[in-house]
Amino acid sequence: MNEFQAKKLGEVLAFDKVGMDTIHHAMASFDTIFGKEEAMRIVQELNKNMGLIQDIAKREGVWDIVSKKAEGTGAKLTKMREVYVGDQWDNPSEIAEWLGFFEGAAYVHWNLVEGAGEASHVENLRALSDEAVHFHKSLLEQASNFLKELGKTKK
């Protein structure tokens, strides 16, 4: 795995970490947007992905690069979230709107990692990234559908 690929892996690790932190701050909103069972599945999927990223990075000898990039990217994402969400953690509409930005960005970053996985033949990276692409696209679609239905109720 080269440095570019390691940095991109760090970026998607940051998305998963900030996603997990967002859930912890906004669990009631996640329950409303996704339902309790789906919210718990999201937590499980993020935990699984973070563990696999760490395993791959350590096996490839790039954990220092990945973790440093995750820290920097995570700080940027957290600042963006704080500006957008403010103190509206219990407002499902605001959380779903934030997820539109956040999950869209996570989705495209994972697409980049998926391409890197195909080109590099790093063990397990292609399978992880393929699953993560579908996972984040699904979260984006679910948040979008929630907002669409919410919009129908606002007359």
Protein backbone atom coordinates (compact mmCIF):
# COMPACT_ATOMS: atom_id res chain seq x y z
CA MET A 1 0.00 0.00 0.00
CA ASN A 2 1.45 3.36 -0.98
CA GLU A 3 1.27 6.65 0.95
CA PHE A 4 -1.64 8.04 -1.08
CA GLN A 5 -3.71 4.92 -0.44
CA ALA A 6 -2.81 4.98 3.26
CA LYS A 7 -3.91 8.61 3.57
CA LYS A 8 -7.22 7.85 1.88
CA LEU A 9 -7.70 4.95 4.26
CA GLY A 10 -7.10 7.42 7.09
CA GLU A 11 -9.76 9.72 5.70
CA VAL A 12 -12.40 7.01 5.62
CA LEU A 13 -11.39 5.96 9.13
CA ALA A 14 -12.08 9.55 10.18
CA PHE A 15 -15.55 9.39 8.60
CA ASP A 16 -16.32 6.23 10.54
CA LYS A 17 -15.05 7.71 13.82
CA VAL A 18 -16.95 10.98 13.40
CA GLY A 19 -20.00 8.99 12.32
CA MET A 20 -19.81 6.98 15.53
CA ASP A 21 -19.38 10.13 17.60
CA THR A 22 -22.39 11.68 15.85
CA ILE A 23 -24.53 8.68 16.74
CA HIS A 24 -23.51 8.93 20.38
CA HIS A 25 -24.48 12.61 20.47
CA ALA A 26 -27.71 12.16 18.49
CA MET A 27 -28.99 8.66 19.30
CA ALA A 28 -32.60 9.82 19.71
CA SER A 29 -32.49 11.46 16.27
CA PHE A 30 -30.89 8.36 14.73
CA ASP A 31 -33.65 6.23 16.25
CA THR A 32 -36.23 8.53 14.62
CA ILE A 33 -34.49 8.66 11.24
CA PHE A 34 -33.47 5.01 10.93
CA GLY A 35 -35.36 3.11 13.64
CA LYS A 36 -33.75 1.59 16.73
CA GLU A 37 -32.66 -1.68 15.10
CA GLU A 38 -31.10 0.05 12.09
CA ALA A 39 -29.34 2.58 14.35
CA MET A 40 -27.77 -0.29 16.28
CA ARG A 41 -26.78 -2.00 13.03
CA ILE A 42 -25.07 1.23 11.96
CA VAL A 43 -23.05 1.24 15.18
CA GLN A 44 -22.03 -2.39 14.59
CA GLU A 45 -21.04 -1.72 10.97
CA LEU A 46 -18.95 1.33 11.87
CA ASN A 47 -17.17 -0.60 14.63
CA LYS A 48 -16.49 -3.48 12.26
CA ASN A 49 -15.13 -1.16 9.55
CA MET A 50 -12.88 0.71 11.97
CA GLY A 51 -11.41 -2.57 13.18
CA LEU A 52 -10.80 -3.82 9.65
CA ILE A 53 -9.16 -0.55 8.62
CA GLN A 54 -6.82 -0.81 11.59
CA ASP A 55 -6.04 -4.45 10.80
CA ILE A 56 -5.24 -3.68 7.16
CA ALA A 57 -3.14 -0.62 8.00
CA LYS A 58 -1.09 -2.45 10.62
CA ARG A 59 -0.57 -5.46 8.36
CA GLU A 60 0.57 -3.17 5.53
CA GLY A 61 2.89 -1.21 7.84
CA VAL A 62 1.10 2.13 7.30
CA TRP A 63 -0.76 2.54 10.59
CA ASP A 64 1.18 5.70 11.51
CA ILE A 65 0.16 7.37 8.23
CA VAL A 66 -3.45 6.19 8.51
CA SER A 67 -3.91 7.24 12.12
CA LYS A 68 -2.29 10.67 11.59
CA LYS A 69 -4.49 11.37 8.57
CA ALA A 70 -7.58 10.13 10.43
CA GLU A 71 -6.84 12.51 13.29
CA GLY A 72 -6.51 15.56 11.01
CA THR A 73 -9.49 14.72 8.85
CA GLY A 74 -11.57 13.87 11.91
CA ALA A 75 -10.87 17.30 13.40
CA LYS A 76 -12.02 18.99 10.17
CA LEU A 77 -15.19 16.89 9.97
CA THR A 78 -15.99 17.54 13.63
CA LYS A 79 -15.65 21.31 13.14
CA MET A 80 -17.93 21.17 10.11
CA ARG A 81 -20.48 19.16 12.07
CA GLU A 82 -20.37 21.55 15.01
CA VAL A 83 -21.03 24.51 12.71
CA TYR A 84 -23.90 22.73 10.98
CA VAL A 85 -25.60 20.90 13.85
CA GLY A 86 -24.87 23.33 16.68
CA ASP A 87 -26.96 22.22 19.64
CA GLN A 88 -29.64 20.53 17.52
CA TRP A 89 -28.70 16.94 18.44
CA ASP A 90 -32.31 16.05 19.25
CA ASN A 91 -33.66 17.50 16.00
CA PRO A 92 -33.97 14.62 13.49
CA SER A 93 -34.41 17.02 10.58
CA GLU A 94 -31.11 18.80 11.31
CA ILE A 95 -29.29 15.52 11.85
CA ALA A 96 -30.67 14.05 8.62
CA GLU A 97 -29.66 17.20 6.71
CA TRP A 98 -26.15 16.94 8.18
CA LEU A 99 -26.07 13.29 7.16
CA GLY A 100 -26.77 14.36 3.59
CA PHE A 101 -23.46 16.22 3.53
CA PHE A 102 -21.59 13.75 5.66
CA GLU A 103 -22.71 10.45 4.12
CA GLY A 104 -22.36 11.83 0.60
CA ALA A 105 -18.75 12.70 1.35
CA ALA A 106 -18.14 9.36 3.07
CA TYR A 107 -19.61 7.57 0.05
CA VAL A 108 -17.30 9.27 -2.47
CA HIS A 109 -14.24 8.82 -0.26
CA TRP A 110 -14.97 5.11 0.05
CA ASN A 111 -15.31 4.94 -3.75
CA LEU A 112 -11.77 6.27 -4.00
CA VAL A 113 -10.56 3.64 -1.52
CA GLU A 114 -12.44 0.98 -3.49
CA GLY A 115 -10.49 1.97 -6.61
CA ALA A 116 -7.26 1.86 -4.64
CA GLY A 117 -8.19 -1.60 -3.39
CA GLU A 118 -8.78 -2.83 -6.92
CA ALA A 119 -5.46 -1.43 -8.13
CA SER A 120 -3.29 -2.43 -5.19
CA HIS A 121 -4.58 -5.93 -4.47
CA VAL A 122 -4.25 -5.28 -0.72
CA GLU A 123 -5.82 -8.24 1.06
CA ASN A 124 -9.38 -7.50 2.27
CA LEU A 125 -9.33 -3.84 1.15
CA ARG A 126 -11.49 -4.41 -1.90
CA ALA A 127 -14.14 -6.37 0.03
CA LEU A 128 -14.16 -3.84 2.88
CA SER A 129 -14.44 -0.86 0.55
CA ASP A 130 -17.15 -2.50 -1.57
CA GLU A 131 -19.26 -3.10 1.54
CA ALA A 132 -18.54 0.40 2.88
CA VAL A 133 -19.54 2.05 -0.41
CA HIS A 134 -22.91 0.29 -0.28
CA PHE A 135 -23.30 1.00 3.45
CA HIS A 136 -22.73 4.76 3.15
CA LYS A 137 -24.86 5.01 0.02
CA SER A 138 -27.66 3.28 1.92
CA LEU A 139 -27.34 5.70 4.85
CA LEU A 140 -27.45 8.65 2.45
CA GLU A 141 -30.56 7.25 0.78
CA GLN A 142 -32.27 6.54 4.10
CA ALA A 143 -31.57 10.05 5.42
CA SER A 144 -32.79 11.52 2.13
CA ASN A 145 -35.97 9.46 2.21
CA PHE A 146 -36.61 10.54 5.81
CA LEU A 147 -36.31 14.18 4.76
CA LYS A 148 -38.53 13.68 1.74
CA GLU A 149 -41.27 12.17 3.90
CA LEU A 150 -40.80 14.89 6.50
CA GLY A 151 -41.19 17.50 3.77
CA LYS A 152 -44.57 16.04 2.85
CA THR A 153 -45.84 16.74 6.37
CA LYS A 154 -44.89 20.42 6.34
CA LYS A 155 -47.82 22.22 4.70
